[in-house]
Amino acid sequence: MKALVVSASIVSALLLSSVALAAGADTVLPHYLKIQQTLAKDSLDGVADAAKAIVGGTKDEKIAQPARALAEAKDLDAARKAFKALSVPMTTWASVAKPAEVQTVFCSMANARWLQKKGGIRNPYYGSGMLECGEVQN
């Protein structure tokens, strides 16, 4: 019974996070997708500005905290680490909201998921080194 209560609490927290993100999804998702595309190109061009826009577009700390780290990233490794943390609540939200034209991809090498526009896989964690590494999950 205790496990059931804990599980229900976890599900409730995830759904509340998804609802909180949904309120700002029009602001957050386009910036998130821009960051994903830029990191897949092994670049940081515009990443800090997009991350700052995410911070300004959400009240959810699970989104804002990794977005702040992303805005402050000085190199690709730091940006990719912060993007990985940002992708956790984003992919959770997408599993509930099912945004059109967006797919969830999983890379076993990075042990991480991300969202991207539907189409060919563009891995933000490895960029040109393993651009197509990943498996679409939806």
Protein backbone atom coordinates (compact mmCIF):
# COMPACT_ATOMS: atom_id res chain seq x y z
CA MET A 1 0.00 0.00 0.00
CA LYS A 2 2.84 2.38 0.85
CA ALA A 3 4.42 1.78 -2.59
CA LEU A 4 1.10 2.60 -4.22
CA VAL A 5 0.88 5.91 -2.35
CA VAL A 6 4.46 6.80 -3.33
CA SER A 7 3.77 5.87 -6.96
CA ALA A 8 0.62 7.98 -6.97
CA SER A 9 2.60 10.91 -5.56
CA ILE A 10 5.23 10.58 -8.27
CA VAL A 11 2.59 10.41 -11.01
CA SER A 12 0.83 13.45 -9.54
CA ALA A 13 4.09 15.42 -9.45
CA LEU A 14 4.84 14.53 -13.06
CA LEU A 15 1.36 15.52 -14.19
CA LEU A 16 1.50 18.81 -12.30
CA SER A 17 4.85 19.54 -13.91
CA SER A 18 3.33 18.71 -17.29
CA VAL A 19 0.40 21.04 -16.62
CA ALA A 20 2.76 23.82 -15.52
CA LEU A 21 4.83 23.40 -18.66
CA ALA A 22 1.75 23.22 -20.86
CA ALA A 23 0.84 26.73 -19.76
CA GLY A 24 4.13 27.99 -21.23
CA ALA A 25 4.69 25.40 -23.94
CA ASP A 26 4.22 27.88 -26.78
CA THR A 27 7.14 29.85 -25.38
CA VAL A 28 9.35 27.03 -24.14
CA LEU A 29 9.13 24.38 -26.88
CA PRO A 30 10.35 26.48 -29.85
CA HIS A 31 13.42 27.61 -27.87
CA TYR A 32 14.09 24.07 -26.67
CA LEU A 33 13.94 22.79 -30.27
CA LYS A 34 16.31 25.53 -31.41
CA ILE A 35 18.82 24.48 -28.75
CA GLN A 36 18.50 20.82 -29.78
CA GLN A 37 19.17 21.67 -33.43
CA THR A 38 22.11 23.92 -32.56
CA LEU A 39 23.80 21.38 -30.29
CA ALA A 40 23.36 18.72 -33.00
CA LYS A 41 25.44 21.03 -35.22
CA ASP A 42 28.20 21.17 -32.57
CA SER A 43 27.48 24.85 -32.01
CA LEU A 44 26.54 27.17 -29.18
CA ASP A 45 25.28 29.98 -31.46
CA GLY A 46 22.11 31.38 -29.90
CA VAL A 47 21.92 28.70 -27.20
CA ALA A 48 22.31 31.12 -24.29
CA ASP A 49 19.60 33.43 -25.63
CA ALA A 50 17.21 30.53 -26.26
CA ALA A 51 17.87 29.17 -22.77
CA LYS A 52 17.19 32.60 -21.24
CA ALA A 53 13.91 32.72 -23.17
CA ILE A 54 12.97 29.36 -21.65
CA VAL A 55 13.69 30.69 -18.15
CA GLY A 56 11.48 33.68 -18.88
CA GLY A 57 8.73 31.49 -20.30
CA THR A 58 8.25 29.09 -17.41
CA LYS A 59 7.57 29.12 -13.70
CA ASP A 60 8.51 25.44 -13.36
CA GLU A 61 11.87 25.16 -11.60
CA LYS A 62 12.45 21.72 -13.14
CA ILE A 63 12.60 23.58 -16.46
CA ALA A 64 14.12 26.87 -15.31
CA GLN A 65 17.06 25.44 -13.35
CA PRO A 66 18.66 23.44 -16.19
CA ALA A 67 17.80 26.26 -18.62
CA ARG A 68 19.80 28.67 -16.42
CA ALA A 69 22.74 26.26 -16.45
CA LEU A 70 22.42 26.03 -20.22
CA ALA A 71 22.44 29.83 -20.53
CA GLU A 72 25.69 29.93 -18.55
CA ALA A 73 27.42 27.05 -20.36
CA LYS A 74 30.86 28.00 -21.61
CA ASP A 75 31.46 24.99 -23.84
CA LEU A 76 29.63 22.19 -25.66
CA ASP A 77 30.19 19.65 -22.89
CA ALA A 78 28.58 21.89 -20.26
CA ALA A 79 25.74 22.82 -22.63
CA ARG A 80 25.04 19.19 -23.46
CA LYS A 81 25.01 18.23 -19.79
CA ALA A 82 22.51 21.00 -19.01
CA PHE A 83 20.43 20.10 -22.08
CA LYS A 84 20.26 16.51 -20.84
CA ALA A 85 18.84 17.75 -17.52
CA LEU A 86 16.39 20.04 -19.34
CA SER A 87 15.24 17.17 -21.55
CA VAL A 88 13.99 15.12 -18.57
CA PRO A 89 10.98 17.34 -17.78
CA MET A 90 10.50 18.22 -21.45
CA THR A 91 10.18 14.59 -22.54
CA THR A 92 7.91 13.87 -19.58
CA TRP A 93 5.65 16.73 -20.65
CA ALA A 94 5.68 15.56 -24.28
CA SER A 95 4.66 12.04 -23.27
CA VAL A 96 1.44 13.53 -21.88
CA ALA A 97 0.87 16.50 -24.20
CA LYS A 98 1.82 14.75 -27.47
CA PRO A 99 2.80 17.94 -29.33
CA ALA A 100 2.32 17.72 -33.10
CA GLU A 101 5.40 17.53 -35.32
CA VAL A 102 7.61 16.57 -32.36
CA GLN A 103 9.13 13.19 -31.60
CA THR A 104 10.96 11.80 -28.60
CA VAL A 105 14.29 10.17 -29.36
CA PHE A 106 16.46 8.02 -27.07
CA CYS A 107 20.22 7.57 -27.40
CA SER A 108 21.53 4.57 -25.50
CA MET A 109 25.11 5.87 -25.74
CA ALA A 110 24.13 9.07 -23.87
CA ASN A 111 21.46 7.23 -21.85
CA ALA A 112 19.20 10.18 -22.52
CA ARG A 113 16.11 11.32 -24.39
CA TRP A 114 15.34 14.53 -26.20
CA LEU A 115 12.61 16.13 -28.27
CA GLN A 116 13.10 17.13 -31.86
CA LYS A 117 11.04 17.94 -34.92
CA LYS A 118 9.85 14.83 -36.74
CA GLY A 119 12.29 13.62 -39.36
CA GLY A 120 15.85 12.36 -39.38
CA ILE A 121 17.54 11.90 -36.03
CA ARG A 122 19.84 14.75 -35.04
CA ASN A 123 21.61 13.84 -31.81
CA PRO A 124 22.32 16.90 -29.63
CA TYR A 125 24.53 14.94 -27.23
CA TYR A 126 27.13 13.82 -29.77
CA GLY A 127 26.56 16.14 -32.73
CA SER A 128 28.51 15.33 -35.86
CA GLY A 129 30.38 12.52 -34.08
CA MET A 130 27.20 10.40 -33.91
CA LEU A 131 24.55 12.60 -35.52
CA GLU A 132 22.08 9.83 -36.30
CA CYS A 133 22.56 7.83 -33.09
CA GLY A 134 19.19 7.34 -31.46
CA GLU A 135 15.84 5.61 -31.68
CA VAL A 136 12.49 7.31 -32.08
CA GLN A 137 10.22 6.40 -29.18
CA ASN A 138 6.90 7.75 -30.42
